[in-house]
Amino acid sequence: MRSDVAIPRDLDLRYPPNTVSSRTAISRRVRLWHDLAEIPAGWGPCVVTIGVFDGVHRGHRHLIDRAVREGRDRGLPTVLVTFDPHPARVLGIDRDTAALSTVERRAELVADLGVDAVCVLRFTRDLASLSAQDFAEQILARTLNARAVVVGANFTFGARGAGDLDALRQFGEQCGFAAYGVGLVAAIDTTACSSTYTRRCVRTGDLSEATRTLGRPHRVDGYLHCGVLTVAANTSLPPPGHYAGTVDTHPAVIEVTDQHTLDLHTTTSADEQFRAVSVTFHDRTGLPAQTSII
């Protein structure tokens, strides 16, 4: 393992990278607003769905499909509202919040499902203190001009999670939007298909189950240099060990180290240039094979 790789000072590892070309591709397929202030004046009306949507797993897709259908039935665009960072991190709740996907990756995935715009709400203490009624009036009705809001059946919102689906319906009647709840999708037995469950699968090395709940192999984004991939802090990674997977589209053996870096085993010469890559994990494997990846 290389432990002496110098990271350029201008790389912001708080948010894993997407290449310029991929960001441009996302912007062509879906609007991505990183703040309420970026929403165009006069936007709407629209259909809104709300949640963290980390990983965009099968349960999320079930919810998003319902919102997109509602938008198409009404002839309105669908806006997905997500939160960053994870609310539990800001509120100090003891929960695994390791990121299954970047905001840009979420936008890429939901664009494939027919979402027209993604609005990222920066979750802060101020946002957390907003009452459920103010959230409905100021954000959903006034800023997004929602005509329908589609959420999970267990959705809560507003200060201390005081608002639930019934409250959303009540505020919707006052503000001019309909509210719909969508039942949860089971991962196994009575366990809901959730980001929490998926993180546990990744954390314990059950990659086949993580793949099943996500509907695709788990992917992380980072910067590659000299065979070492640096990922953002709080990225969801499997336990230390060797894994078969891909780097971009190339087969690779990936070593997750105790330091939460990834060593990529290759027969080619080390790439001296920092570059953004995506790594997917398929299965745990034995000793690293001599696999060419770049």
C-alpha atoms as a PDB file:
ATOM      1  CA  MET A   1       0.000   0.000   0.000  1.00  0.00           C
ATOM      2  CA  ARG A   2       1.192   3.488  -0.813  1.00  0.00           C
ATOM      3  CA  SER A   3       0.881   5.838   2.176  1.00  0.00           C
ATOM      4  CA  ASP A   4       3.035   8.669   0.847  1.00  0.00           C
ATOM      5  CA  VAL A   5       0.803   9.964  -1.944  1.00  0.00           C
ATOM      6  CA  ALA A   6       0.543  13.743  -1.824  1.00  0.00           C
ATOM      7  CA  ILE A   7      -2.920  15.124  -2.483  1.00  0.00           C
ATOM      8  CA  PRO A   8      -3.137  18.429  -4.368  1.00  0.00           C
ATOM      9  CA  ARG A   9      -4.301  21.211  -2.075  1.00  0.00           C
ATOM     10  CA  ASP A  10      -7.028  22.339  -4.449  1.00  0.00           C
ATOM     11  CA  LEU A  11      -8.852  18.988  -4.376  1.00  0.00           C
ATOM     12  CA  ASP A  12     -11.981  19.217  -2.203  1.00  0.00           C
ATOM     13  CA  LEU A  13     -12.410  15.696  -0.846  1.00  0.00           C
ATOM     14  CA  ARG A  14     -15.463  16.592   1.185  1.00  0.00           C
ATOM     15  CA  TYR A  15     -17.447  15.925  -1.974  1.00  0.00           C
ATOM     16  CA  PRO A  16     -16.184  13.072  -4.195  1.00  0.00           C
ATOM     17  CA  PRO A  17     -15.571  14.088  -7.782  1.00  0.00           C
ATOM     18  CA  ASN A  18     -17.406  13.804 -10.990  1.00  0.00           C
ATOM     19  CA  THR A  19     -15.544  14.649 -14.142  1.00  0.00           C
ATOM     20  CA  VAL A  20     -16.374  17.858 -15.989  1.00  0.00           C
ATOM     21  CA  SER A  21     -17.822  15.831 -18.854  1.00  0.00           C
ATOM     22  CA  SER A  22     -20.093  13.827 -16.539  1.00  0.00           C
ATOM     23  CA  ARG A  23     -21.295  16.981 -14.792  1.00  0.00           C
ATOM     24  CA  THR A  24     -22.098  18.487 -18.176  1.00  0.00           C
ATOM     25  CA  ALA A  25     -23.971  15.331 -19.138  1.00  0.00           C
ATOM     26  CA  ILE A  26     -26.006  15.504 -15.906  1.00  0.00           C
ATOM     27  CA  SER A  27     -26.876  19.154 -16.508  1.00  0.00           C
ATOM     28  CA  ARG A  28     -28.171  18.288 -19.980  1.00  0.00           C
ATOM     29  CA  ARG A  29     -30.442  15.550 -18.608  1.00  0.00           C
ATOM     30  CA  VAL A  30     -31.661  17.040 -15.320  1.00  0.00           C
ATOM     31  CA  ARG A  31     -31.534  20.454 -13.644  1.00  0.00           C
ATOM     32  CA  LEU A  32     -29.344  20.338 -10.537  1.00  0.00           C
ATOM     33  CA  TRP A  33     -29.884  23.129  -7.994  1.00  0.00           C
ATOM     34  CA  HIS A  34     -27.427  23.188  -5.089  1.00  0.00           C
ATOM     35  CA  ASP A  35     -29.478  25.680  -3.115  1.00  0.00           C
ATOM     36  CA  LEU A  36     -33.000  27.097  -3.026  1.00  0.00           C
ATOM     37  CA  ALA A  37     -31.555  30.355  -4.347  1.00  0.00           C
ATOM     38  CA  GLU A  38     -30.656  28.593  -7.613  1.00  0.00           C
ATOM     39  CA  ILE A  39     -34.284  27.772  -8.416  1.00  0.00           C
ATOM     40  CA  PRO A  40     -35.362  30.095 -11.236  1.00  0.00           C
ATOM     41  CA  ALA A  41     -37.816  32.830 -10.369  1.00  0.00           C
ATOM     42  CA  GLY A  42     -41.329  31.812 -11.301  1.00  0.00           C
ATOM     43  CA  TRP A  43     -40.506  28.109 -11.307  1.00  0.00           C
ATOM     44  CA  GLY A  44     -43.406  25.675 -11.329  1.00  0.00           C
ATOM     45  CA  PRO A  45     -45.923  24.350 -10.918  1.00  0.00           C
ATOM     46  CA  CYS A  46     -44.435  20.893 -10.368  1.00  0.00           C
ATOM     47  CA  VAL A  47     -44.649  17.570  -8.551  1.00  0.00           C
ATOM     48  CA  VAL A  48     -42.178  17.130  -5.675  1.00  0.00           C
ATOM     49  CA  THR A  49     -40.743  14.088  -3.930  1.00  0.00           C
ATOM     50  CA  ILE A  50     -38.607  14.509  -0.803  1.00  0.00           C
ATOM     51  CA  GLY A  51     -35.966  12.438   0.987  1.00  0.00           C
ATOM     52  CA  VAL A  52     -32.225  11.928   1.372  1.00  0.00           C
ATOM     53  CA  PHE A  53     -32.298   9.313  -1.426  1.00  0.00           C
ATOM     54  CA  ASP A  54     -28.751   8.183  -0.584  1.00  0.00           C
ATOM     55  CA  GLY A  55     -27.888   5.315  -2.923  1.00  0.00           C
ATOM     56  CA  VAL A  56     -31.164   5.571  -4.878  1.00  0.00           C
ATOM     57  CA  HIS A  57     -31.990   1.959  -3.953  1.00  0.00           C
ATOM     58  CA  ARG A  58     -35.011  -0.092  -5.021  1.00  0.00           C
ATOM     59  CA  GLY A  59     -37.230   1.466  -2.354  1.00  0.00           C
ATOM     60  CA  HIS A  60     -36.310   4.949  -3.529  1.00  0.00           C
ATOM     61  CA  ARG A  61     -37.013   4.016  -7.133  1.00  0.00           C
ATOM     62  CA  HIS A  62     -40.467   2.749  -6.173  1.00  0.00           C
ATOM     63  CA  LEU A  63     -41.210   6.153  -4.622  1.00  0.00           C
ATOM     64  CA  ILE A  64     -39.684   8.125  -7.489  1.00  0.00           C
ATOM     65  CA  ASP A  65     -41.615   6.118 -10.086  1.00  0.00           C
ATOM     66  CA  ARG A  66     -44.839   7.104  -8.337  1.00  0.00           C
ATOM     67  CA  ALA A  67     -43.834  10.791  -8.329  1.00  0.00           C
ATOM     68  CA  VAL A  68     -42.843  10.727 -12.004  1.00  0.00           C
ATOM     69  CA  ARG A  69     -46.166   9.096 -12.944  1.00  0.00           C
ATOM     70  CA  GLU A  70     -47.990  11.797 -10.984  1.00  0.00           C
ATOM     71  CA  GLY A  71     -46.052  14.465 -12.841  1.00  0.00           C
ATOM     72  CA  ARG A  72     -46.786  12.947 -16.232  1.00  0.00           C
ATOM     73  CA  ASP A  73     -50.486  12.539 -15.401  1.00  0.00           C
ATOM     74  CA  ARG A  74     -50.626  16.226 -14.499  1.00  0.00           C
ATOM     75  CA  GLY A  75     -48.365  17.367 -17.338  1.00  0.00           C
ATOM     76  CA  LEU A  76     -45.894  18.802 -14.799  1.00  0.00           C
ATOM     77  CA  PRO A  77     -42.135  18.407 -14.216  1.00  0.00           C
ATOM     78  CA  THR A  78     -40.979  16.263 -11.291  1.00  0.00           C
ATOM     79  CA  VAL A  79     -38.543  17.748  -8.763  1.00  0.00           C
ATOM     80  CA  LEU A  80     -36.607  15.562  -6.343  1.00  0.00           C
ATOM     81  CA  VAL A  81     -35.567  17.300  -3.111  1.00  0.00           C
ATOM     82  CA  THR A  82     -32.593  15.774  -1.321  1.00  0.00           C
ATOM     83  CA  PHE A  83     -30.534  16.787   1.709  1.00  0.00           C
ATOM     84  CA  ASP A  84     -26.789  17.200   2.112  1.00  0.00           C
ATOM     85  CA  PRO A  85     -25.161  16.510   4.486  1.00  0.00           C
ATOM     86  CA  HIS A  86     -27.248  13.732   5.983  1.00  0.00           C
ATOM     87  CA  PRO A  87     -29.597  15.216   8.609  1.00  0.00           C
ATOM     88  CA  ALA A  88     -28.487  12.696  11.247  1.00  0.00           C
ATOM     89  CA  ARG A  89     -24.897  13.979  10.995  1.00  0.00           C
ATOM     90  CA  VAL A  90     -25.970  17.570  11.655  1.00  0.00           C
ATOM     91  CA  LEU A  91     -28.301  16.611  14.494  1.00  0.00           C
ATOM     92  CA  GLY A  92     -25.753  14.326  16.163  1.00  0.00           C
ATOM     93  CA  ILE A  93     -27.968  11.239  15.938  1.00  0.00           C
ATOM     94  CA  ASP A  94     -26.061   8.009  16.533  1.00  0.00           C
ATOM     95  CA  ARG A  95     -26.548   6.400  13.135  1.00  0.00           C
ATOM     96  CA  ASP A  96     -24.364   5.145  10.292  1.00  0.00           C
ATOM     97  CA  THR A  97     -24.538   7.916   7.685  1.00  0.00           C
ATOM     98  CA  ALA A  98     -21.663   6.781   5.456  1.00  0.00           C
ATOM     99  CA  ALA A  99     -22.485   8.049   1.968  1.00  0.00           C
ATOM    100  CA  LEU A 100     -23.657   5.494  -0.577  1.00  0.00           C
ATOM    101  CA  SER A 101     -23.669   8.108  -3.352  1.00  0.00           C
ATOM    102  CA  THR A 102     -22.638  11.665  -4.095  1.00  0.00           C
ATOM    103  CA  VAL A 103     -25.233  14.311  -4.850  1.00  0.00           C
ATOM    104  CA  GLU A 104     -24.134  14.282  -8.500  1.00  0.00           C
ATOM    105  CA  ARG A 105     -24.489  10.505  -8.643  1.00  0.00           C
ATOM    106  CA  ARG A 106     -28.006  10.757  -7.201  1.00  0.00           C
ATOM    107  CA  ALA A 107     -28.883  13.269  -9.919  1.00  0.00           C
ATOM    108  CA  GLU A 108     -27.462  10.949 -12.572  1.00  0.00           C
ATOM    109  CA  LEU A 109     -29.471   7.992 -11.298  1.00  0.00           C
ATOM    110  CA  VAL A 110     -32.792   9.800 -10.883  1.00  0.00           C
ATOM    111  CA  ALA A 111     -32.460  11.388 -14.323  1.00  0.00           C
ATOM    112  CA  ASP A 112     -32.664   7.843 -15.696  1.00  0.00           C
ATOM    113  CA  LEU A 113     -35.980   7.475 -13.829  1.00  0.00           C
ATOM    114  CA  GLY A 114     -37.531  10.538 -15.443  1.00  0.00           C
ATOM    115  CA  VAL A 115     -36.924  13.205 -12.789  1.00  0.00           C
ATOM    116  CA  ASP A 116     -36.647  16.674 -14.329  1.00  0.00           C
ATOM    117  CA  ALA A 117     -34.833  18.579 -11.565  1.00  0.00           C
ATOM    118  CA  VAL A 118     -32.935  17.890  -8.338  1.00  0.00           C
ATOM    119  CA  CYS A 119     -32.872  20.442  -5.532  1.00  0.00           C
ATOM    120  CA  VAL A 120     -30.218  19.977  -2.839  1.00  0.00           C
ATOM    121  CA  LEU A 121     -31.168  21.430   0.532  1.00  0.00           C
ATOM    122  CA  ARG A 122     -28.062  22.087   2.616  1.00  0.00           C
ATOM    123  CA  PHE A 123     -29.104  20.625   5.932  1.00  0.00           C
ATOM    124  CA  THR A 124     -28.163  23.032   8.702  1.00  0.00           C
ATOM    125  CA  ARG A 125     -29.324  23.740  12.243  1.00  0.00           C
ATOM    126  CA  ASP A 126     -31.403  26.601  10.848  1.00  0.00           C
ATOM    127  CA  LEU A 127     -33.171  24.306   8.403  1.00  0.00           C
ATOM    128  CA  ALA A 128     -33.649  21.731  11.162  1.00  0.00           C
ATOM    129  CA  SER A 129     -35.374  24.331  13.328  1.00  0.00           C
ATOM    130  CA  LEU A 130     -37.922  25.235  10.631  1.00  0.00           C
ATOM    131  CA  SER A 131     -41.415  24.159  11.693  1.00  0.00           C
ATOM    132  CA  ALA A 132     -43.314  21.631   9.610  1.00  0.00           C
ATOM    133  CA  GLN A 133     -45.830  24.280   8.602  1.00  0.00           C
ATOM    134  CA  ASP A 134     -43.104  26.740   7.560  1.00  0.00           C
ATOM    135  CA  PHE A 135     -41.357  24.002   5.560  1.00  0.00           C
ATOM    136  CA  ALA A 136     -44.586  23.261   3.703  1.00  0.00           C
ATOM    137  CA  GLU A 137     -45.461  26.899   3.120  1.00  0.00           C
ATOM    138  CA  GLN A 138     -42.040  28.401   2.393  1.00  0.00           C
ATOM    139  CA  ILE A 139     -40.246  25.605   0.543  1.00  0.00           C
ATOM    140  CA  LEU A 140     -42.901  23.351  -0.991  1.00  0.00           C
ATOM    141  CA  ALA A 141     -45.598  25.894  -1.821  1.00  0.00           C
ATOM    142  CA  ARG A 142     -43.846  29.237  -2.225  1.00  0.00           C
ATOM    143  CA  THR A 143     -40.404  28.311  -3.617  1.00  0.00           C
ATOM    144  CA  LEU A 144     -41.109  25.096  -5.527  1.00  0.00           C
ATOM    145  CA  ASN A 145     -44.744  25.893  -6.349  1.00  0.00           C
ATOM    146  CA  ALA A 146     -45.728  22.261  -5.747  1.00  0.00           C
ATOM    147  CA  ARG A 147     -49.083  20.938  -6.890  1.00  0.00           C
ATOM    148  CA  ALA A 148     -48.445  17.452  -5.542  1.00  0.00           C
ATOM    149  CA  VAL A 149     -45.935  16.048  -3.037  1.00  0.00           C
ATOM    150  CA  VAL A 150     -45.100  12.332  -3.015  1.00  0.00           C
ATOM    151  CA  VAL A 151     -43.286  10.895   0.026  1.00  0.00           C
ATOM    152  CA  GLY A 152     -42.637   7.607   1.774  1.00  0.00           C
ATOM    153  CA  ALA A 153     -45.307   6.418   4.178  1.00  0.00           C
ATOM    154  CA  ASN A 154     -42.917   6.959   7.127  1.00  0.00           C
ATOM    155  CA  PHE A 155     -41.888  10.476   6.047  1.00  0.00           C
ATOM    156  CA  THR A 156     -41.389  13.102   8.767  1.00  0.00           C
ATOM    157  CA  PHE A 157     -40.381  16.743   8.374  1.00  0.00           C
ATOM    158  CA  GLY A 158     -40.001  19.986  10.252  1.00  0.00           C
ATOM    159  CA  ALA A 159     -38.391  20.694  13.617  1.00  0.00           C
ATOM    160  CA  ARG A 160     -37.926  17.491  15.644  1.00  0.00           C
ATOM    161  CA  GLY A 161     -39.689  15.563  12.873  1.00  0.00           C
ATOM    162  CA  ALA A 162     -43.033  16.860  14.139  1.00  0.00           C
ATOM    163  CA  GLY A 163     -44.690  16.695  10.714  1.00  0.00           C
ATOM    164  CA  ASP A 164     -45.887  13.409   9.238  1.00  0.00           C
ATOM    165  CA  LEU A 165     -47.938  12.378   6.211  1.00  0.00           C
ATOM    166  CA  ASP A 166     -51.212  13.470   7.823  1.00  0.00           C
ATOM    167  CA  ALA A 167     -49.734  16.895   8.642  1.00  0.00           C
ATOM    168  CA  LEU A 168     -48.401  17.184   5.080  1.00  0.00           C
ATOM    169  CA  ARG A 169     -51.891  16.526   3.739  1.00  0.00           C
ATOM    170  CA  GLN A 170     -53.341  19.135   6.078  1.00  0.00           C
ATOM    171  CA  PHE A 171     -50.795  21.779   5.081  1.00  0.00           C
ATOM    172  CA  GLY A 172     -51.278  20.800   1.448  1.00  0.00           C
ATOM    173  CA  GLU A 173     -54.973  21.592   1.648  1.00  0.00           C
ATOM    174  CA  GLN A 174     -54.064  25.043   2.970  1.00  0.00           C
ATOM    175  CA  CYS A 175     -51.248  25.651   0.471  1.00  0.00           C
ATOM    176  CA  GLY A 176     -52.782  24.196  -2.675  1.00  0.00           C
ATOM    177  CA  PHE A 177     -50.977  20.875  -3.130  1.00  0.00           C
ATOM    178  CA  ALA A 178     -52.025  17.242  -2.762  1.00  0.00           C
ATOM    179  CA  ALA A 179     -49.921  14.851  -0.658  1.00  0.00           C
ATOM    180  CA  TYR A 180     -49.493  11.137  -1.330  1.00  0.00           C
ATOM    181  CA  GLY A 181     -47.780   8.447   0.729  1.00  0.00           C
ATOM    182  CA  VAL A 182     -46.044   5.452  -0.838  1.00  0.00           C
ATOM    183  CA  GLY A 183     -45.549   2.195   1.046  1.00  0.00           C
ATOM    184  CA  LEU A 184     -42.077   0.869   1.811  1.00  0.00           C
ATOM    185  CA  VAL A 185     -40.418  -1.887  -0.217  1.00  0.00           C
ATOM    186  CA  ALA A 186     -39.170  -4.901   1.742  1.00  0.00           C
ATOM    187  CA  ALA A 187     -35.526  -5.900   1.388  1.00  0.00           C
ATOM    188  CA  ILE A 188     -35.921  -9.248   3.126  1.00  0.00           C
ATOM    189  CA  ASP A 189     -38.717 -10.609   5.348  1.00  0.00           C
ATOM    190  CA  THR A 190     -39.963  -7.618   7.353  1.00  0.00           C
ATOM    191  CA  THR A 191     -36.826  -5.499   6.884  1.00  0.00           C
ATOM    192  CA  ALA A 192     -37.455  -2.411   4.754  1.00  0.00           C
ATOM    193  CA  CYS A 193     -35.269  -1.697   1.751  1.00  0.00           C
ATOM    194  CA  SER A 194     -33.507   1.352   3.171  1.00  0.00           C
ATOM    195  CA  SER A 195     -30.205   3.213   2.993  1.00  0.00           C
ATOM    196  CA  THR A 196     -29.524   2.127   6.584  1.00  0.00           C
ATOM    197  CA  TYR A 197     -29.923  -1.528   5.640  1.00  0.00           C
ATOM    198  CA  THR A 198     -27.797  -1.087   2.518  1.00  0.00           C
ATOM    199  CA  ARG A 199     -25.009   0.621   4.495  1.00  0.00           C
ATOM    200  CA  ARG A 200     -24.996  -2.295   6.911  1.00  0.00           C
ATOM    201  CA  CYS A 201     -24.663  -4.731   4.013  1.00  0.00           C
ATOM    202  CA  VAL A 202     -21.670  -2.785   2.630  1.00  0.00           C
ATOM    203  CA  ARG A 203     -20.087  -2.315   6.053  1.00  0.00           C
ATOM    204  CA  THR A 204     -20.270  -6.046   6.828  1.00  0.00           C
ATOM    205  CA  GLY A 205     -19.065  -7.076   3.367  1.00  0.00           C
ATOM    206  CA  ASP A 206     -22.368  -8.563   2.164  1.00  0.00           C
ATOM    207  CA  LEU A 207     -21.940  -7.119  -1.306  1.00  0.00           C
ATOM    208  CA  SER A 208     -24.374  -9.485  -3.002  1.00  0.00           C
ATOM    209  CA  GLU A 209     -27.172  -8.235  -0.744  1.00  0.00           C
ATOM    210  CA  ALA A 210     -26.062  -4.625  -1.221  1.00  0.00           C
ATOM    211  CA  THR A 211     -26.234  -5.193  -4.979  1.00  0.00           C
ATOM    212  CA  ARG A 212     -29.717  -6.640  -4.623  1.00  0.00           C
ATOM    213  CA  THR A 213     -31.079  -3.745  -2.550  1.00  0.00           C
ATOM    214  CA  LEU A 214     -29.421  -1.116  -4.754  1.00  0.00           C
ATOM    215  CA  GLY A 215     -30.316  -2.883  -7.980  1.00  0.00           C
ATOM    216  CA  ARG A 216     -26.690  -2.522  -9.122  1.00  0.00           C
ATOM    217  CA  PRO A 217     -23.177  -2.944  -7.628  1.00  0.00           C
ATOM    218  CA  HIS A 218     -22.118  -0.442  -4.969  1.00  0.00           C
ATOM    219  CA  ARG A 219     -20.051   2.397  -6.441  1.00  0.00           C
ATOM    220  CA  VAL A 220     -17.729   4.995  -4.929  1.00  0.00           C
ATOM    221  CA  ASP A 221     -16.081   7.998  -6.594  1.00  0.00           C
ATOM    222  CA  GLY A 222     -12.628   9.363  -5.887  1.00  0.00           C
ATOM    223  CA  TYR A 223      -9.272  10.533  -7.208  1.00  0.00           C
ATOM    224  CA  LEU A 224      -6.802   7.992  -8.600  1.00  0.00           C
ATOM    225  CA  HIS A 225      -3.052   8.565  -8.382  1.00  0.00           C
ATOM    226  CA  CYS A 226      -0.260   5.993  -8.604  1.00  0.00           C
ATOM    227  CA  GLY A 227      -2.696   3.123  -8.125  1.00  0.00           C
ATOM    228  CA  VAL A 228      -4.223   4.598  -4.955  1.00  0.00           C
ATOM    229  CA  LEU A 229      -7.786   5.886  -4.869  1.00  0.00           C
ATOM    230  CA  THR A 230      -8.586   8.607  -2.340  1.00  0.00           C
ATOM    231  CA  VAL A 231     -12.252   8.915  -1.408  1.00  0.00           C
ATOM    232  CA  ALA A 232     -14.085  11.481   0.682  1.00  0.00           C
ATOM    233  CA  ALA A 233     -14.397  10.981   4.406  1.00  0.00           C
ATOM    234  CA  ASN A 234     -17.585   9.177   5.430  1.00  0.00           C
ATOM    235  CA  THR A 235     -17.775   7.195   2.179  1.00  0.00           C
ATOM    236  CA  SER A 236     -19.495   3.823   2.561  1.00  0.00           C
ATOM    237  CA  LEU A 237     -16.816   1.130   2.086  1.00  0.00           C
ATOM    238  CA  PRO A 238     -16.707  -2.629   2.715  1.00  0.00           C
ATOM    239  CA  PRO A 239     -14.327  -4.078   5.345  1.00  0.00           C
ATOM    240  CA  PRO A 240     -10.583  -4.207   4.620  1.00  0.00           C
ATOM    241  CA  GLY A 241      -9.754  -6.881   2.078  1.00  0.00           C
ATOM    242  CA  HIS A 242      -9.566  -7.610  -1.636  1.00  0.00           C
ATOM    243  CA  TYR A 243     -12.564  -7.257  -3.943  1.00  0.00           C
ATOM    244  CA  ALA A 244     -13.295  -7.935  -7.591  1.00  0.00           C
ATOM    245  CA  GLY A 245     -14.837  -4.949  -9.309  1.00  0.00           C
ATOM    246  CA  THR A 246     -14.265  -2.276 -11.907  1.00  0.00           C
ATOM    247  CA  VAL A 247     -12.466   1.038 -12.203  1.00  0.00           C
ATOM    248  CA  ASP A 248     -14.615   3.030 -14.587  1.00  0.00           C
ATOM    249  CA  THR A 249     -15.432   0.174 -17.003  1.00  0.00           C
ATOM    250  CA  HIS A 250     -12.199  -1.802 -16.541  1.00  0.00           C
ATOM    251  CA  PRO A 251     -12.026  -5.001 -14.436  1.00  0.00           C
ATOM    252  CA  ALA A 252      -9.837  -4.598 -11.353  1.00  0.00           C
ATOM    253  CA  VAL A 253      -8.917  -6.059  -8.003  1.00  0.00           C
ATOM    254  CA  ILE A 254      -9.518  -3.445  -5.324  1.00  0.00           C
ATOM    255  CA  GLU A 255      -7.884  -3.544  -1.913  1.00  0.00           C
ATOM    256  CA  VAL A 256      -9.668  -1.691   0.864  1.00  0.00           C
ATOM    257  CA  THR A 257      -7.107  -0.834   3.547  1.00  0.00           C
ATOM    258  CA  ASP A 258      -7.416  -0.169   7.266  1.00  0.00           C
ATOM    259  CA  GLN A 259      -6.865   3.531   6.442  1.00  0.00           C
ATOM    260  CA  HIS A 260      -9.983   3.596   4.198  1.00  0.00           C
ATOM    261  CA  THR A 261      -8.013   4.099   1.028  1.00  0.00           C
ATOM    262  CA  LEU A 262      -8.278   1.826  -1.975  1.00  0.00           C
ATOM    263  CA  ASP A 263      -5.271   0.257  -3.661  1.00  0.00           C
ATOM    264  CA  LEU A 264      -5.884  -0.786  -7.251  1.00  0.00           C
ATOM    265  CA  HIS A 265      -3.821  -3.751  -8.450  1.00  0.00           C
ATOM    266  CA  THR A 266      -2.666  -3.497 -12.053  1.00  0.00           C
ATOM    267  CA  THR A 267       0.120  -4.693 -14.332  1.00  0.00           C
ATOM    268  CA  THR A 268       0.335  -1.320 -16.058  1.00  0.00           C
ATOM    269  CA  SER A 269       2.620   1.512 -15.045  1.00  0.00           C
ATOM    270  CA  ALA A 270       1.366   3.788 -12.276  1.00  0.00           C
ATOM    271  CA  ASP A 271      -0.645   6.763 -13.449  1.00  0.00           C
ATOM    272  CA  GLU A 272       1.137   9.886 -12.203  1.00  0.00           C
ATOM    273  CA  GLN A 273      -1.805  12.188 -12.956  1.00  0.00           C
ATOM    274  CA  PHE A 274      -4.636  12.746 -10.527  1.00  0.00           C
ATOM    275  CA  ARG A 275      -7.884  11.837 -12.228  1.00  0.00           C
ATOM    276  CA  ALA A 276     -11.456  11.252 -11.152  1.00  0.00           C
ATOM    277  CA  VAL A 277     -12.639   7.647 -11.407  1.00  0.00           C
ATOM    278  CA  SER A 278     -15.557   5.502 -10.292  1.00  0.00           C
ATOM    279  CA  VAL A 279     -15.047   2.150  -8.575  1.00  0.00           C
ATOM    280  CA  THR A 280     -17.695  -0.564  -8.272  1.00  0.00           C
ATOM    281  CA  PHE A 281     -17.505  -3.523  -5.881  1.00  0.00           C
ATOM    282  CA  HIS A 282     -18.740  -6.928  -7.029  1.00  0.00           C
ATOM    283  CA  ASP A 283     -17.459  -9.745  -4.816  1.00  0.00           C
ATOM    284  CA  ARG A 284     -14.807 -10.410  -2.209  1.00  0.00           C
ATOM    285  CA  THR A 285     -11.847 -12.206  -3.675  1.00  0.00           C
ATOM    286  CA  GLY A 286      -8.581 -13.774  -2.538  1.00  0.00           C
ATOM    287  CA  LEU A 287      -5.076 -12.491  -3.231  1.00  0.00           C
ATOM    288  CA  PRO A 288      -4.934  -9.710  -5.836  1.00  0.00           C
ATOM    289  CA  ALA A 289      -4.797 -10.925  -9.407  1.00  0.00           C
ATOM    290  CA  GLN A 290      -2.652  -9.267 -12.031  1.00  0.00           C
ATOM    291  CA  THR A 291      -5.440  -7.378 -13.762  1.00  0.00           C
ATOM    292  CA  SER A 292      -4.911  -4.495 -16.130  1.00  0.00           C
ATOM    293  CA  ILE A 293      -7.163  -1.541 -15.404  1.00  0.00           C
ATOM    294  CA  ILE A 294      -5.569   1.507 -17.071  1.00  0.00           C
END
